[in-house]
Amino acid sequence: CVPRHGFRTPCPQPINQEADTISRTINIIMGLIGLALMMVFVLGLSHSISTGFAGFWGGFPFMCIAICVIAMAIYNYWEDAIRKDD
């Protein structure tokens, strides 16, 4: 590696395939945990709004938005963690 301005720059290390596999596995597991926590929070919030003061029709718009957001989060998880073709 070429020193730049008197500082040594770190040399690039060869790619370790085993570490990449572990990283993908961790990505899948942590993504699933995060997705589950987000779904529990949003669905619980939707349930709380619908059964509380707002009633079913008052909480219905939030429920529709929550379902769309959860669908997008599931697709993003599938796209980034599971379907990755590295």
Protein backbone atom coordinates (compact mmCIF):
# COMPACT_ATOMS: atom_id res chain seq x y z
CA CYS A 1 0.00 0.00 0.00
CA VAL A 2 1.23 3.45 -0.85
CA PRO A 3 1.83 5.88 2.05
CA ARG A 4 -0.18 9.05 1.65
CA HIS A 5 0.86 12.29 3.39
CA GLY A 6 3.14 10.37 5.74
CA PHE A 7 0.38 7.98 6.88
CA ARG A 8 0.19 4.32 6.01
CA THR A 9 -3.09 3.30 4.53
CA PRO A 10 -4.39 -0.18 5.37
CA CYS A 11 -4.03 -2.73 2.61
CA PRO A 12 -7.24 -4.35 1.38
CA GLN A 13 -7.70 -7.83 2.80
CA PRO A 14 -8.84 -10.77 0.68
CA ILE A 15 -12.52 -11.55 0.92
CA ASN A 16 -13.31 -14.38 3.31
CA GLN A 17 -16.24 -16.42 1.97
CA GLU A 18 -16.96 -18.04 5.35
CA ALA A 19 -17.24 -14.65 7.06
CA ASP A 20 -19.57 -13.50 4.27
CA THR A 21 -21.82 -16.51 4.86
CA ILE A 22 -21.95 -15.84 8.59
CA SER A 23 -22.73 -12.21 7.89
CA ARG A 24 -25.63 -13.18 5.60
CA THR A 25 -27.00 -15.56 8.23
CA ILE A 26 -26.80 -12.86 10.88
CA ASN A 27 -28.45 -10.43 8.46
CA ILE A 28 -31.38 -12.83 7.96
CA ILE A 29 -31.82 -13.50 11.69
CA MET A 30 -31.52 -9.87 12.79
CA GLY A 31 -33.78 -8.72 9.98
CA LEU A 32 -36.42 -11.22 11.05
CA ILE A 33 -36.19 -10.09 14.69
CA GLY A 34 -36.46 -6.43 13.67
CA LEU A 35 -39.36 -7.13 11.32
CA ALA A 36 -41.22 -9.07 14.03
CA LEU A 37 -40.72 -6.28 16.60
CA MET A 38 -41.90 -3.64 14.14
CA MET A 39 -44.97 -5.71 13.23
CA VAL A 40 -45.90 -6.28 16.88
CA PHE A 41 -45.58 -2.56 17.62
CA VAL A 42 -47.56 -1.34 14.59
CA LEU A 43 -50.29 -3.97 14.86
CA GLY A 44 -50.59 -3.37 18.61
CA LEU A 45 -50.88 0.35 18.02
CA SER A 46 -53.54 -0.25 15.36
CA HIS A 47 -55.47 -2.57 17.68
CA SER A 48 -55.26 -0.05 20.51
CA ILE A 49 -56.57 2.77 18.31
CA SER A 50 -59.41 0.64 16.90
CA THR A 51 -60.61 -0.69 20.27
CA GLY A 52 -60.20 2.58 22.13
CA PHE A 53 -61.91 5.94 21.85
CA ALA A 54 -61.67 6.12 18.04
CA GLY A 55 -63.62 2.92 17.47
CA PHE A 56 -63.30 0.66 14.45
CA TRP A 57 -64.10 3.27 11.80
CA GLY A 58 -61.89 5.87 13.46
CA GLY A 59 -58.93 3.47 13.48
CA PHE A 60 -59.64 2.05 10.03
CA PRO A 61 -57.46 4.55 8.07
CA PHE A 62 -54.50 3.87 10.37
CA MET A 63 -55.09 0.12 10.01
CA CYS A 64 -54.95 0.42 6.19
CA ILE A 65 -51.74 2.45 6.36
CA ALA A 66 -50.22 -0.01 8.87
CA ILE A 67 -51.01 -2.99 6.64
CA CYS A 68 -49.39 -1.27 3.63
CA VAL A 69 -46.29 -0.33 5.65
CA ILE A 70 -45.93 -3.88 6.99
CA ALA A 71 -46.29 -5.30 3.46
CA MET A 72 -43.54 -2.96 2.24
CA ALA A 73 -41.29 -3.92 5.18
CA ILE A 74 -41.79 -7.63 4.46
CA TYR A 75 -40.95 -7.10 0.79
CA ASN A 76 -37.85 -5.08 1.71
CA TYR A 77 -36.70 -7.81 4.12
CA TRP A 78 -37.20 -10.46 1.45
CA GLU A 79 -35.42 -8.34 -1.17
CA ASP A 80 -32.40 -7.43 0.98
CA ALA A 81 -31.85 -10.44 3.23
CA ILE A 82 -33.34 -13.53 1.64
CA ARG A 83 -33.24 -13.08 -2.14
CA LYS A 84 -29.71 -11.66 -2.20
CA ASP A 85 -27.78 -13.45 -4.99
CA ASP A 86 -24.20 -12.69 -3.93
